[in-house]
Amino acid sequence: MSLHRIAAKAALALPEVTCSQPFGEGCDVYKVMDKMFLLNSSLSGRVLSNLKVTPDHGAMLRDIYPYIHAGWHMNKKHWISIYEDENLEPDLVIDLVQNSYELVVSKLSKQQRQRIAVLKAIS
């Protein structure tokens, strides 16, 4: 399964997630309550996914995985880019999508966080 399919499937399984293409065709933006947490795109023919991370976590991931870099076209401290690679671990991508989502959710209003908690509990 491709990087974009893995990331999209993981994202769309989470509560209150929407997908749009505000930057044009071929660039899918996934948001929770109107806040972006995943961007699927390509750069020079290379498939990539941008995800939000804490600065320490992002630095650690870049040190460990050769296919993870500072976020392309994003804040380099708070975003990473995962490039499609034959050694890409699908479970890692799923975990990173979920972590990015949770990081964004943690910054939402109390009411929004409660709504998401209820939706998670009933699903």
Protein backbone atom coordinates (compact mmCIF):
# COMPACT_ATOMS: atom_id res chain seq x y z
CA MET A 1 0.00 0.00 0.00
CA SER A 2 1.31 3.47 -0.85
CA LEU A 3 2.28 6.12 1.70
CA HIS A 4 -0.66 8.32 0.75
CA ARG A 5 -3.16 5.46 1.06
CA ILE A 6 -1.81 4.42 4.47
CA ALA A 7 -1.83 7.99 5.77
CA ALA A 8 -5.26 8.79 4.32
CA LYS A 9 -6.85 5.63 5.70
CA ALA A 10 -5.41 6.31 9.16
CA ALA A 11 -6.55 9.95 9.07
CA LEU A 12 -10.08 9.29 7.86
CA ALA A 13 -10.61 6.72 10.63
CA LEU A 14 -10.31 9.51 13.23
CA PRO A 15 -13.26 11.64 14.45
CA GLU A 16 -14.09 15.00 12.83
CA VAL A 17 -11.53 14.66 10.01
CA THR A 18 -12.13 16.32 6.67
CA CYS A 19 -10.09 16.22 3.47
CA SER A 20 -9.87 19.04 0.94
CA GLN A 21 -7.57 20.30 -1.79
CA PRO A 22 -7.13 24.02 -1.04
CA PHE A 23 -3.72 24.07 -2.79
CA GLY A 24 -4.98 22.32 -5.93
CA GLU A 25 -5.34 18.82 -7.27
CA GLY A 26 -2.74 16.35 -6.04
CA CYS A 27 -2.34 17.99 -2.64
CA ASP A 28 -4.75 16.52 -0.07
CA VAL A 29 -5.06 18.39 3.23
CA TYR A 30 -6.53 16.58 6.24
CA LYS A 31 -7.93 18.67 9.05
CA VAL A 32 -9.53 18.11 12.42
CA MET A 33 -11.95 20.89 13.35
CA ASP A 34 -10.45 23.05 10.59
CA LYS A 35 -6.84 22.60 11.80
CA MET A 36 -4.39 20.83 9.48
CA PHE A 37 -2.53 17.75 10.74
CA LEU A 38 -1.64 15.92 7.48
CA LEU A 39 -0.75 16.99 3.97
CA ASN A 40 -0.28 14.40 1.20
CA SER A 41 1.58 15.70 -1.84
CA SER A 42 4.54 15.13 -4.17
CA LEU A 43 7.78 16.99 -4.69
CA SER A 44 9.77 16.47 -7.88
CA GLY A 45 7.94 13.20 -8.48
CA ARG A 46 8.55 11.92 -4.93
CA VAL A 47 5.48 11.08 -2.84
CA LEU A 48 5.49 12.70 0.60
CA SER A 49 3.32 13.22 3.66
CA ASN A 50 3.76 16.16 6.04
CA LEU A 51 2.81 15.61 9.67
CA LYS A 52 2.90 17.76 12.79
CA VAL A 53 5.30 16.66 15.57
CA THR A 54 6.86 18.02 18.72
CA PRO A 55 10.36 19.39 18.01
CA ASP A 56 12.15 16.68 20.04
CA HIS A 57 10.15 13.88 18.46
CA GLY A 58 10.78 15.25 14.98
CA ALA A 59 14.55 15.44 15.57
CA MET A 60 14.62 11.87 16.87
CA LEU A 61 12.63 10.57 13.87
CA ARG A 62 14.92 12.35 11.40
CA ASP A 63 17.94 10.77 13.13
CA ILE A 64 16.50 7.24 12.98
CA TYR A 65 14.71 7.03 9.63
CA PRO A 66 16.43 8.09 6.39
CA TYR A 67 13.07 8.70 4.69
CA ILE A 68 11.94 11.28 7.30
CA HIS A 69 13.09 14.88 6.85
CA ALA A 70 12.21 18.35 8.12
CA GLY A 71 8.77 19.34 6.88
CA TRP A 72 8.82 20.47 3.26
CA HIS A 73 7.28 23.93 2.91
CA MET A 74 6.35 23.92 6.62
CA ASN A 75 7.84 25.02 9.93
CA LYS A 76 10.93 22.80 10.15
CA LYS A 77 10.70 22.41 13.94
CA HIS A 78 7.06 21.39 14.10
CA TRP A 79 6.54 19.37 10.91
CA ILE A 80 8.19 16.37 9.29
CA SER A 81 8.01 15.04 5.75
CA ILE A 82 7.88 11.30 5.21
CA TYR A 83 8.96 10.24 1.73
CA GLU A 84 7.75 7.01 0.18
CA ASP A 85 10.49 4.41 0.51
CA GLU A 86 10.76 0.65 0.10
CA ASN A 87 11.70 0.39 3.80
CA LEU A 88 8.73 2.46 4.95
CA GLU A 89 6.97 0.85 7.90
CA PRO A 90 3.16 1.18 7.58
CA ASP A 91 2.65 0.95 11.35
CA LEU A 92 5.03 3.88 11.85
CA VAL A 93 3.04 5.98 9.38
CA ILE A 94 -0.22 5.13 11.15
CA ASP A 95 1.28 6.03 14.55
CA LEU A 96 2.65 9.31 13.21
CA VAL A 97 -0.71 10.26 11.67
CA GLN A 98 -2.45 9.51 14.98
CA ASN A 99 0.18 11.46 16.94
CA SER A 100 -0.13 14.45 14.61
CA TYR A 101 -3.90 14.36 15.02
CA GLU A 102 -3.64 14.18 18.81
CA LEU A 103 -1.14 17.04 18.89
CA VAL A 104 -3.54 19.26 16.96
CA VAL A 105 -6.54 18.11 19.03
CA SER A 106 -4.67 19.03 22.24
CA LYS A 107 -4.65 22.68 21.05
CA LEU A 108 -8.38 22.82 20.33
CA SER A 109 -10.92 24.42 22.63
CA LYS A 110 -12.20 22.44 25.60
CA GLN A 111 -15.59 22.04 23.95
CA GLN A 112 -14.04 20.71 20.74
CA ARG A 113 -11.82 18.27 22.67
CA GLN A 114 -14.85 17.01 24.61
CA ARG A 115 -16.80 16.46 21.38
CA ILE A 116 -13.93 14.42 19.95
CA ALA A 117 -13.64 12.41 23.18
CA VAL A 118 -17.36 11.54 23.00
CA LEU A 119 -17.08 10.54 19.34
CA LYS A 120 -14.09 8.31 20.11
CA ALA A 121 -15.96 6.67 22.98
CA ILE A 122 -18.96 5.73 20.82
CA SER A 123 -16.99 4.49 17.83
